[in-house]
Amino acid sequence: MRLLRRCDTGDFSLTQFSDDEAIPPYAILSHTWGLDTEEVTFEDLVNGTGEAKLGYKKIRFYGEQARQNSLQYF
């Protein structure tokens, strides 16, 4: 399972858990999709690109929502 982990700095990173690891509590967030050119892809997350895309703002917002609910992962 892959989750985004929000850091205290407000940044986030992609975290992968193996099948035998306990999965921590996490937020499931839903949103509407924009154009393909605006949404952050898995490849963008792995490569550290995509910050200029509109969808990146949504990810930051969701990370903040998770923090407000005392969750580190989303």
Protein backbone atom coordinates (compact mmCIF):
# COMPACT_ATOMS: atom_id res chain seq x y z
CA MET A 1 0.00 0.00 0.00
CA ARG A 2 1.24 3.50 -0.80
CA LEU A 3 0.25 6.55 1.22
CA LEU A 4 1.33 10.15 1.28
CA ARG A 5 3.00 11.15 4.54
CA ARG A 6 2.73 14.74 5.70
CA CYS A 7 5.88 16.10 7.34
CA ASP A 8 5.91 18.77 10.05
CA THR A 9 7.27 21.21 7.46
CA GLY A 10 4.07 20.84 5.40
CA ASP A 11 5.88 18.89 2.68
CA PHE A 12 4.87 15.33 1.93
CA SER A 13 6.47 12.16 0.69
CA LEU A 14 5.27 8.95 -0.87
CA THR A 15 5.55 6.02 1.56
CA GLN A 16 5.14 2.36 0.69
CA PHE A 17 4.12 -0.27 3.22
CA SER A 18 4.73 -3.96 2.66
CA ASP A 19 1.97 -6.52 3.08
CA ASP A 20 3.33 -7.62 6.47
CA GLU A 21 3.56 -4.11 7.94
CA ALA A 22 0.82 -2.62 10.06
CA ILE A 23 -0.88 0.16 8.14
CA PRO A 24 -1.18 3.33 10.23
CA PRO A 25 -4.42 5.30 10.47
CA TYR A 26 -4.88 7.43 7.34
CA ALA A 27 -7.37 9.78 5.74
CA ILE A 28 -9.18 8.88 2.55
CA LEU A 29 -9.89 12.04 0.62
CA SER A 30 -12.00 12.39 -2.46
CA HIS A 31 -11.91 15.09 -5.10
CA THR A 32 -12.91 15.81 -8.64
CA TRP A 33 -10.36 15.28 -11.35
CA GLY A 34 -9.07 18.07 -13.56
CA LEU A 35 -7.43 17.87 -16.93
CA ASP A 36 -4.66 15.28 -17.29
CA THR A 37 -2.13 18.09 -17.62
CA GLU A 38 -3.25 19.59 -14.27
CA GLU A 39 -3.30 16.46 -12.09
CA VAL A 40 -0.24 15.13 -10.27
CA THR A 41 0.64 11.61 -11.39
CA PHE A 42 2.37 8.80 -9.54
CA GLU A 43 5.40 9.47 -11.74
CA ASP A 44 5.37 13.13 -10.67
CA LEU A 45 5.45 12.04 -7.02
CA VAL A 46 8.29 9.57 -7.59
CA ASN A 47 10.34 12.05 -9.62
CA GLY A 48 9.62 15.04 -7.40
CA THR A 49 8.00 16.93 -10.27
CA GLY A 50 4.51 18.29 -10.64
CA GLU A 51 4.65 21.10 -8.08
CA ALA A 52 3.59 23.57 -10.76
CA LYS A 53 0.43 21.59 -11.54
CA LEU A 54 -2.89 22.76 -10.11
CA GLY A 55 -3.46 19.33 -8.56
CA TYR A 56 -0.45 19.83 -6.29
CA LYS A 57 -2.37 22.47 -4.37
CA LYS A 58 -5.10 19.90 -3.71
CA ILE A 59 -2.54 17.46 -2.29
CA ARG A 60 -1.20 20.12 0.07
CA PHE A 61 -4.75 20.96 1.13
CA TYR A 62 -5.54 17.30 1.82
CA GLY A 63 -2.35 16.96 3.85
CA GLU A 64 -3.45 19.89 5.98
CA GLN A 65 -6.91 18.35 6.42
CA ALA A 66 -5.28 15.11 7.58
CA ARG A 67 -3.11 17.06 10.05
CA GLN A 68 -6.16 18.80 11.47
CA ASN A 69 -7.57 15.34 12.15
CA SER A 70 -4.33 14.25 13.85
CA LEU A 71 -3.35 12.00 10.94
CA GLN A 72 0.10 11.85 9.38
CA TYR A 73 -0.88 9.78 6.35
CA PHE A 74 -3.40 10.39 3.62
